[in-house]
């Protein structure tokens, strides 16, 4: 099991910023954000994402959608502005 990097305190702040689920939605937003953080923290390519996070391709596709829609920017702005 991988250690979690997103604390409960941070998660409580992030939760209201998450997009409302529509249609096909990932099961666990927190696990998804942990996966994104793992890639950013390690600098590893998406293909090296540990299997505990699910399919690297699925995580990457969701990441790409969130970036295009501005969801991740909104979360980062909350912490860095």
PDB file of N, CA and C in Angstrom:
ATOM      1  N   UNK A   1       0.847  -1.188   0.000  1.00  0.00           N
ATOM      2  CA  UNK A   1       0.000   0.000   0.000  1.00  0.00           C
ATOM      3  C   UNK A   1       0.884   1.241   0.000  1.00  0.00           C
ATOM      4  N   UNK A   2       0.554   2.169  -0.850  1.00  0.00           N
ATOM      5  CA  UNK A   2       1.300   3.413  -0.915  1.00  0.00           C
ATOM      6  C   UNK A   2       0.846   4.355   0.186  1.00  0.00           C
ATOM      7  N   UNK A   3       1.761   5.158   0.656  1.00  0.00           N
ATOM      8  CA  UNK A   3       1.362   6.128   1.675  1.00  0.00           C
ATOM      9  C   UNK A   3       0.555   7.245   1.028  1.00  0.00           C
ATOM     10  N   UNK A   4      -0.360   7.785   1.785  1.00  0.00           N
ATOM     11  CA  UNK A   4      -1.174   8.883   1.272  1.00  0.00           C
ATOM     12  C   UNK A   4      -0.460  10.200   1.513  1.00  0.00           C
ATOM     13  N   UNK A   5      -0.569  11.103   0.572  1.00  0.00           N
ATOM     14  CA  UNK A   5       0.065  12.408   0.683  1.00  0.00           C
ATOM     15  C   UNK A   5      -0.939  13.507   0.973  1.00  0.00           C
ATOM     16  N   UNK A   6      -2.178  13.278   0.607  1.00  0.00           N
ATOM     17  CA  UNK A   6      -3.229  14.278   0.828  1.00  0.00           C
ATOM     18  C   UNK A   6      -3.837  14.008   2.203  1.00  0.00           C
ATOM     19  N   UNK A   7      -3.564  14.902   3.132  1.00  0.00           N
ATOM     20  CA  UNK A   7      -4.072  14.731   4.490  1.00  0.00           C
ATOM     21  C   UNK A   7      -5.577  14.975   4.530  1.00  0.00           C
ATOM     22  N   UNK A   8      -6.207  14.543   5.613  1.00  0.00           N
ATOM     23  CA  UNK A   8      -7.647  14.789   5.778  1.00  0.00           C
ATOM     24  C   UNK A   8      -7.937  16.285   5.800  1.00  0.00           C
ATOM     25  N   UNK A   9      -7.058  17.060   6.398  1.00  0.00           N
ATOM     26  CA  UNK A   9      -7.242  18.519   6.466  1.00  0.00           C
ATOM     27  C   UNK A   9      -7.239  19.130   5.061  1.00  0.00           C
ATOM     28  N   UNK A  10      -6.289  18.733   4.252  1.00  0.00           N
ATOM     29  CA  UNK A  10      -6.227  19.233   2.871  1.00  0.00           C
ATOM     30  C   UNK A  10      -7.427  18.738   2.084  1.00  0.00           C
ATOM     31  N   UNK A  11      -7.801  17.479   2.266  1.00  0.00           N
ATOM     32  CA  UNK A  11      -8.932  16.913   1.537  1.00  0.00           C
ATOM     33  C   UNK A  11     -10.212  17.689   1.823  1.00  0.00           C
ATOM     34  N   UNK A  12     -10.420  18.090   3.072  1.00  0.00           N
ATOM     35  CA  UNK A  12     -11.607  18.872   3.430  1.00  0.00           C
ATOM     36  C   UNK A  12     -11.641  20.199   2.685  1.00  0.00           C
ATOM     37  N   UNK A  13     -10.476  20.785   2.440  1.00  0.00           N
ATOM     38  CA  UNK A  13     -10.410  22.057   1.712  1.00  0.00           C
ATOM     39  C   UNK A  13     -10.621  21.859   0.212  1.00  0.00           C
ATOM     40  N   UNK A  14     -10.160  20.721  -0.304  1.00  0.00           N
ATOM     41  CA  UNK A  14     -10.254  20.448  -1.741  1.00  0.00           C
ATOM     42  C   UNK A  14     -11.654  20.019  -2.157  1.00  0.00           C
ATOM     43  N   UNK A  15     -12.328  19.260  -1.315  1.00  0.00           N
ATOM     44  CA  UNK A  15     -13.613  18.657  -1.680  1.00  0.00           C
ATOM     45  C   UNK A  15     -14.616  19.636  -2.295  1.00  0.00           C
ATOM     46  N   UNK A  16     -14.821  20.830  -1.725  1.00  0.00           N
ATOM     47  CA  UNK A  16     -15.787  21.746  -2.352  1.00  0.00           C
ATOM     48  C   UNK A  16     -15.371  22.246  -3.735  1.00  0.00           C
ATOM     49  N   UNK A  17     -14.104  22.110  -4.080  1.00  0.00           N
ATOM     50  CA  UNK A  17     -13.606  22.586  -5.366  1.00  0.00           C
ATOM     51  C   UNK A  17     -13.726  21.552  -6.482  1.00  0.00           C
ATOM     52  N   UNK A  18     -14.066  20.327  -6.112  1.00  0.00           N
ATOM     53  CA  UNK A  18     -14.143  19.250  -7.100  1.00  0.00           C
ATOM     54  C   UNK A  18     -15.372  19.410  -7.985  1.00  0.00           C
ATOM     55  N   UNK A  19     -15.249  19.010  -9.239  1.00  0.00           N
ATOM     56  CA  UNK A  19     -16.407  19.087 -10.129  1.00  0.00           C
ATOM     57  C   UNK A  19     -17.489  18.094  -9.701  1.00  0.00           C
ATOM     58  N   UNK A  20     -18.719  18.461  -9.943  1.00  0.00           N
ATOM     59  CA  UNK A  20     -19.841  17.557  -9.649  1.00  0.00           C
ATOM     60  C   UNK A  20     -19.770  16.367 -10.601  1.00  0.00           C
ATOM     61  N   UNK A  21     -20.035  15.170 -10.091  1.00  0.00           N
ATOM     62  CA  UNK A  21     -19.995  13.994 -10.972  1.00  0.00           C
ATOM     63  C   UNK A  21     -21.058  14.084 -12.060  1.00  0.00           C
ATOM     64  N   UNK A  22     -20.643  13.800 -13.296  1.00  0.00           N
ATOM     65  CA  UNK A  22     -21.576  13.765 -14.425  1.00  0.00           C
ATOM     66  C   UNK A  22     -21.269  12.526 -15.243  1.00  0.00           C
ATOM     67  N   UNK A  23     -22.282  11.828 -15.644  1.00  0.00           N
ATOM     68  CA  UNK A  23     -22.068  10.669 -16.501  1.00  0.00           C
ATOM     69  C   UNK A  23     -21.104   9.685 -15.890  1.00  0.00           C
ATOM     70  N   UNK A  24     -20.150   9.268 -16.689  1.00  0.00           N
ATOM     71  CA  UNK A  24     -19.137   8.333 -16.218  1.00  0.00           C
ATOM     72  C   UNK A  24     -18.144   9.093 -15.354  1.00  0.00           C
ATOM     73  N   UNK A  25     -18.063   8.730 -14.117  1.00  0.00           N
ATOM     74  CA  UNK A  25     -17.212   9.460 -13.179  1.00  0.00           C
ATOM     75  C   UNK A  25     -16.323   8.466 -12.449  1.00  0.00           C
ATOM     76  N   UNK A  26     -15.088   8.857 -12.222  1.00  0.00           N
ATOM     77  CA  UNK A  26     -14.171   8.006 -11.474  1.00  0.00           C
ATOM     78  C   UNK A  26     -14.722   7.717 -10.083  1.00  0.00           C
ATOM     79  N   UNK A  27     -14.393   6.564  -9.562  1.00  0.00           N
ATOM     80  CA  UNK A  27     -14.930   6.143  -8.276  1.00  0.00           C
ATOM     81  C   UNK A  27     -14.377   6.923  -7.103  1.00  0.00           C
ATOM     82  N   UNK A  28     -13.141   7.350  -7.186  1.00  0.00           N
ATOM     83  CA  UNK A  28     -12.513   7.927  -6.018  1.00  0.00           C
ATOM     84  C   UNK A  28     -11.675   9.145  -6.409  1.00  0.00           C
ATOM     85  N   UNK A  29     -12.199  10.331  -6.168  1.00  0.00           N
ATOM     86  CA  UNK A  29     -11.479  11.554  -6.505  1.00  0.00           C
ATOM     87  C   UNK A  29     -10.188  11.677  -5.715  1.00  0.00           C
ATOM     88  N   UNK A  30     -10.219  11.254  -4.462  1.00  0.00           N
ATOM     89  CA  UNK A  30      -9.019  11.370  -3.633  1.00  0.00           C
ATOM     90  C   UNK A  30      -7.899  10.476  -4.176  1.00  0.00           C
ATOM     91  N   UNK A  31      -8.231   9.254  -4.548  1.00  0.00           N
ATOM     92  CA  UNK A  31      -7.223   8.358  -5.112  1.00  0.00           C
ATOM     93  C   UNK A  31      -6.683   8.924  -6.421  1.00  0.00           C
ATOM     94  N   UNK A  32      -7.565   9.498  -7.225  1.00  0.00           N
ATOM     95  CA  UNK A  32      -7.144  10.119  -8.480  1.00  0.00           C
ATOM     96  C   UNK A  32      -6.154  11.248  -8.212  1.00  0.00           C
ATOM     97  N   UNK A  33      -6.465  12.125  -7.257  1.00  0.00           N
ATOM     98  CA  UNK A  33      -5.564  13.235  -6.957  1.00  0.00           C
ATOM     99  C   UNK A  33      -4.264  12.741  -6.323  1.00  0.00           C
ATOM    100  N   UNK A  34      -4.328  11.671  -5.556  1.00  0.00           N
ATOM    101  CA  UNK A  34      -3.101  11.063  -5.025  1.00  0.00           C
ATOM    102  C   UNK A  34      -2.228  10.574  -6.183  1.00  0.00           C
ATOM    103  N   UNK A  35      -2.833   9.988  -7.200  1.00  0.00           N
ATOM    104  CA  UNK A  35      -2.079   9.503  -8.363  1.00  0.00           C
ATOM    105  C   UNK A  35      -1.425  10.659  -9.103  1.00  0.00           C
ATOM    106  N   UNK A  36      -2.168  11.728  -9.317  1.00  0.00           N
ATOM    107  CA  UNK A  36      -1.614  12.905  -9.990  1.00  0.00           C
ATOM    108  C   UNK A  36      -0.448  13.461  -9.176  1.00  0.00           C
ATOM    109  N   UNK A  37      -0.648  13.565  -7.873  1.00  0.00           N
ATOM    110  CA  UNK A  37       0.409  14.076  -7.009  1.00  0.00           C
ATOM    111  C   UNK A  37       1.633  13.168  -7.054  1.00  0.00           C
ATOM    112  N   UNK A  38       1.433  11.852  -7.097  1.00  0.00           N
ATOM    113  CA  UNK A  38       2.551  10.912  -7.172  1.00  0.00           C
ATOM    114  C   UNK A  38       3.382  11.175  -8.425  1.00  0.00           C
ATOM    115  N   UNK A  39       2.716  11.350  -9.560  1.00  0.00           N
ATOM    116  CA  UNK A  39       3.437  11.608 -10.813  1.00  0.00           C
ATOM    117  C   UNK A  39       4.186  12.933 -10.729  1.00  0.00           C
ATOM    118  N   UNK A  40       3.532  13.962 -10.205  1.00  0.00           N
ATOM    119  CA  UNK A  40       4.182  15.273 -10.101  1.00  0.00           C
ATOM    120  C   UNK A  40       5.360  15.237  -9.132  1.00  0.00           C
ATOM    121  N   UNK A  41       5.187  14.545  -8.023  1.00  0.00           N
ATOM    122  CA  UNK A  41       6.224  14.476  -6.997  1.00  0.00           C
ATOM    123  C   UNK A  41       7.430  13.672  -7.460  1.00  0.00           C
ATOM    124  N   UNK A  42       7.190  12.559  -8.143  1.00  0.00           N
ATOM    125  CA  UNK A  42       8.293  11.675  -8.535  1.00  0.00           C
ATOM    126  C   UNK A  42       8.914  12.066  -9.872  1.00  0.00           C
ATOM    127  N   UNK A  43       8.144  12.731 -10.717  1.00  0.00           N
ATOM    128  CA  UNK A  43       8.632  13.053 -12.050  1.00  0.00           C
ATOM    129  C   UNK A  43       8.620  11.851 -12.982  1.00  0.00           C
ATOM    130  N   UNK A  44       7.997  10.775 -12.544  1.00  0.00           N
ATOM    131  CA  UNK A  44       7.944   9.552 -13.347  1.00  0.00           C
ATOM    132  C   UNK A  44       6.938   9.708 -14.492  1.00  0.00           C
ATOM    133  N   UNK A  45       7.138   8.977 -15.563  1.00  0.00           N
ATOM    134  CA  UNK A  45       6.138   8.997 -16.638  1.00  0.00           C
ATOM    135  C   UNK A  45       4.845   8.316 -16.182  1.00  0.00           C
ATOM    136  N   UNK A  46       3.754   8.701 -16.830  1.00  0.00           N
ATOM    137  CA  UNK A  46       2.458   8.135 -16.468  1.00  0.00           C
ATOM    138  C   UNK A  46       2.471   6.616 -16.504  1.00  0.00           C
ATOM    139  N   UNK A  47       3.170   6.035 -17.460  1.00  0.00           N
ATOM    140  CA  UNK A  47       3.211   4.568 -17.599  1.00  0.00           C
ATOM    141  C   UNK A  47       3.816   3.875 -16.382  1.00  0.00           C
ATOM    142  N   UNK A  48       4.558   4.620 -15.558  1.00  0.00           N
ATOM    143  CA  UNK A  48       5.171   4.041 -14.361  1.00  0.00           C
ATOM    144  C   UNK A  48       4.310   4.214 -13.113  1.00  0.00           C
ATOM    145  N   UNK A  49       3.115   4.726 -13.281  1.00  0.00           N
ATOM    146  CA  UNK A  49       2.208   4.900 -12.145  1.00  0.00           C
ATOM    147  C   UNK A  49       1.944   3.537 -11.498  1.00  0.00           C
ATOM    148  N   UNK A  50       2.133   3.421 -10.189  1.00  0.00           N
ATOM    149  CA  UNK A  50       1.887   2.128  -9.526  1.00  0.00           C
ATOM    150  C   UNK A  50       0.450   1.648  -9.741  1.00  0.00           C
ATOM    151  N   UNK A  51       0.299   0.365  -9.873  1.00  0.00           N
ATOM    152  CA  UNK A  51      -1.012  -0.224 -10.171  1.00  0.00           C
ATOM    153  C   UNK A  51      -2.035   0.022  -9.064  1.00  0.00           C
ATOM    154  N   UNK A  52      -1.585   0.348  -7.862  1.00  0.00           N
ATOM    155  CA  UNK A  52      -2.522   0.656  -6.771  1.00  0.00           C
ATOM    156  C   UNK A  52      -3.430   1.839  -7.104  1.00  0.00           C
ATOM    157  N   UNK A  53      -2.986   2.682  -8.032  1.00  0.00           N
ATOM    158  CA  UNK A  53      -3.787   3.833  -8.443  1.00  0.00           C
ATOM    159  C   UNK A  53      -4.747   3.499  -9.576  1.00  0.00           C
ATOM    160  N   UNK A  54      -4.671   2.317 -10.109  1.00  0.00           N
ATOM    161  CA  UNK A  54      -5.501   1.933 -11.239  1.00  0.00           C
ATOM    162  C   UNK A  54      -4.706   2.028 -12.529  1.00  0.00           C
ATOM    163  N   UNK A  55      -5.396   1.938 -13.622  1.00  0.00           N
ATOM    164  CA  UNK A  55      -4.768   1.997 -14.937  1.00  0.00           C
ATOM    165  C   UNK A  55      -4.148   3.376 -15.170  1.00  0.00           C
ATOM    166  N   UNK A  56      -2.878   3.393 -15.545  1.00  0.00           N
ATOM    167  CA  UNK A  56      -2.215   4.674 -15.779  1.00  0.00           C
ATOM    168  C   UNK A  56      -2.919   5.459 -16.875  1.00  0.00           C
ATOM    169  N   UNK A  57      -3.409   4.755 -17.890  1.00  0.00           N
ATOM    170  CA  UNK A  57      -4.061   5.417 -19.024  1.00  0.00           C
ATOM    171  C   UNK A  57      -5.373   6.080 -18.592  1.00  0.00           C
ATOM    172  N   UNK A  58      -6.125   5.403 -17.752  1.00  0.00           N
ATOM    173  CA  UNK A  58      -7.381   5.960 -17.239  1.00  0.00           C
ATOM    174  C   UNK A  58      -7.106   7.194 -16.390  1.00  0.00           C
ATOM    175  N   UNK A  59      -6.102   7.094 -15.526  1.00  0.00           N
ATOM    176  CA  UNK A  59      -5.749   8.243 -14.682  1.00  0.00           C
ATOM    177  C   UNK A  59      -5.270   9.397 -15.550  1.00  0.00           C
ATOM    178  N   UNK A  60      -4.423   9.106 -16.522  1.00  0.00           N
ATOM    179  CA  UNK A  60      -3.933  10.163 -17.403  1.00  0.00           C
ATOM    180  C   UNK A  60      -5.067  10.827 -18.177  1.00  0.00           C
ATOM    181  N   UNK A  61      -5.977  10.027 -18.726  1.00  0.00           N
ATOM    182  CA  UNK A  61      -7.097  10.600 -19.487  1.00  0.00           C
ATOM    183  C   UNK A  61      -7.942  11.518 -18.619  1.00  0.00           C
ATOM    184  N   UNK A  62      -8.196  11.096 -17.391  1.00  0.00           N
ATOM    185  CA  UNK A  62      -8.965  11.936 -16.475  1.00  0.00           C
ATOM    186  C   UNK A  62      -8.191  13.208 -16.144  1.00  0.00           C
ATOM    187  N   UNK A  63      -6.896  13.080 -15.904  1.00  0.00           N
ATOM    188  CA  UNK A  63      -6.040  14.237 -15.650  1.00  0.00           C
ATOM    189  C   UNK A  63      -6.130  15.226 -16.815  1.00  0.00           C
ATOM    190  N   UNK A  64      -6.019  14.710 -18.019  1.00  0.00           N
ATOM    191  CA  UNK A  64      -6.072  15.550 -19.209  1.00  0.00           C
ATOM    192  C   UNK A  64      -7.404  16.300 -19.298  1.00  0.00           C
ATOM    193  N   UNK A  65      -8.497  15.603 -19.023  1.00  0.00           N
ATOM    194  CA  UNK A  65      -9.822  16.259 -19.048  1.00  0.00           C
ATOM    195  C   UNK A  65      -9.908  17.350 -17.977  1.00  0.00           C
ATOM    196  N   UNK A  66      -9.445  17.047 -16.786  1.00  0.00           N
ATOM    197  CA  UNK A  66      -9.512  18.027 -15.685  1.00  0.00           C
ATOM    198  C   UNK A  66      -8.671  19.259 -16.001  1.00  0.00           C
ATOM    199  N   UNK A  67      -7.514  19.065 -16.620  1.00  0.00           N
ATOM    200  CA  UNK A  67      -6.669  20.206 -16.984  1.00  0.00           C
ATOM    201  C   UNK A  67      -7.384  21.064 -18.022  1.00  0.00           C
ATOM    202  N   UNK A  68      -7.925  20.427 -19.054  1.00  0.00           N
ATOM    203  CA  UNK A  68      -8.610  21.169 -20.120  1.00  0.00           C
ATOM    204  C   UNK A  68      -9.813  21.947 -19.596  1.00  0.00           C
ATOM    205  N   UNK A  69     -10.508  21.400 -18.601  1.00  0.00           N
ATOM    206  CA  UNK A  69     -11.691  22.053 -18.040  1.00  0.00           C
ATOM    207  C   UNK A  69     -11.364  23.022 -16.913  1.00  0.00           C
ATOM    208  N   UNK A  70     -10.099  23.107 -16.515  1.00  0.00           N
ATOM    209  CA  UNK A  70      -9.684  24.062 -15.484  1.00  0.00           C
ATOM    210  C   UNK A  70      -9.888  23.610 -14.049  1.00  0.00           C
ATOM    211  N   UNK A  71     -10.265  22.340 -13.845  1.00  0.00           N
ATOM    212  CA  UNK A  71     -10.515  21.860 -12.482  1.00  0.00           C
ATOM    213  C   UNK A  71      -9.238  21.852 -11.638  1.00  0.00           C
ATOM    214  N   UNK A  72      -8.147  21.377 -12.184  1.00  0.00           N
ATOM    215  CA  UNK A  72      -6.898  21.326 -11.413  1.00  0.00           C
ATOM    216  C   UNK A  72      -6.360  22.722 -11.161  1.00  0.00           C
ATOM    217  N   UNK A  73      -6.508  23.613 -12.110  1.00  0.00           N
ATOM    218  CA  UNK A  73      -6.061  24.994 -11.925  1.00  0.00           C
ATOM    219  C   UNK A  73      -6.814  25.648 -10.769  1.00  0.00           C
ATOM    220  N   UNK A  74      -8.102  25.380 -10.668  1.00  0.00           N
ATOM    221  CA  UNK A  74      -8.905  25.926  -9.577  1.00  0.00           C
ATOM    222  C   UNK A  74      -8.401  25.431  -8.220  1.00  0.00           C
ATOM    223  N   UNK A  75      -8.060  24.160  -8.145  1.00  0.00           N
ATOM    224  CA  UNK A  75      -7.547  23.590  -6.896  1.00  0.00           C
ATOM    225  C   UNK A  75      -6.191  24.211  -6.557  1.00  0.00           C
ATOM    226  N   UNK A  76      -5.302  24.307  -7.541  1.00  0.00           N
ATOM    227  CA  UNK A  76      -3.990  24.892  -7.287  1.00  0.00           C
ATOM    228  C   UNK A  76      -4.093  26.365  -6.929  1.00  0.00           C
ATOM    229  N   UNK A  77      -4.971  27.103  -7.588  1.00  0.00           N
ATOM    230  CA  UNK A  77      -5.164  28.533  -7.268  1.00  0.00           C
ATOM    231  C   UNK A  77      -5.596  28.714  -5.822  1.00  0.00           C
ATOM    232  N   UNK A  78      -6.428  27.804  -5.332  1.00  0.00           N
ATOM    233  CA  UNK A  78      -6.904  27.889  -3.950  1.00  0.00           C
ATOM    234  C   UNK A  78      -5.719  27.863  -2.979  1.00  0.00           C
ATOM    235  N   UNK A  79      -4.726  27.044  -3.268  1.00  0.00           N
ATOM    236  CA  UNK A  79      -3.590  26.890  -2.363  1.00  0.00           C
ATOM    237  C   UNK A  79      -2.476  27.903  -2.595  1.00  0.00           C
ATOM    238  N   UNK A  80      -2.378  28.448  -3.788  1.00  0.00           N
ATOM    239  CA  UNK A  80      -1.236  29.314  -4.112  1.00  0.00           C
ATOM    240  C   UNK A  80      -1.596  30.773  -4.327  1.00  0.00           C
ATOM    241  N   UNK A  81      -2.815  31.166  -4.057  1.00  0.00           N
ATOM    242  CA  UNK A  81      -3.161  32.599  -4.179  1.00  0.00           C
ATOM    243  C   UNK A  81      -3.490  33.163  -2.843  1.00  0.00           C
TER     244      UNK A  81
END
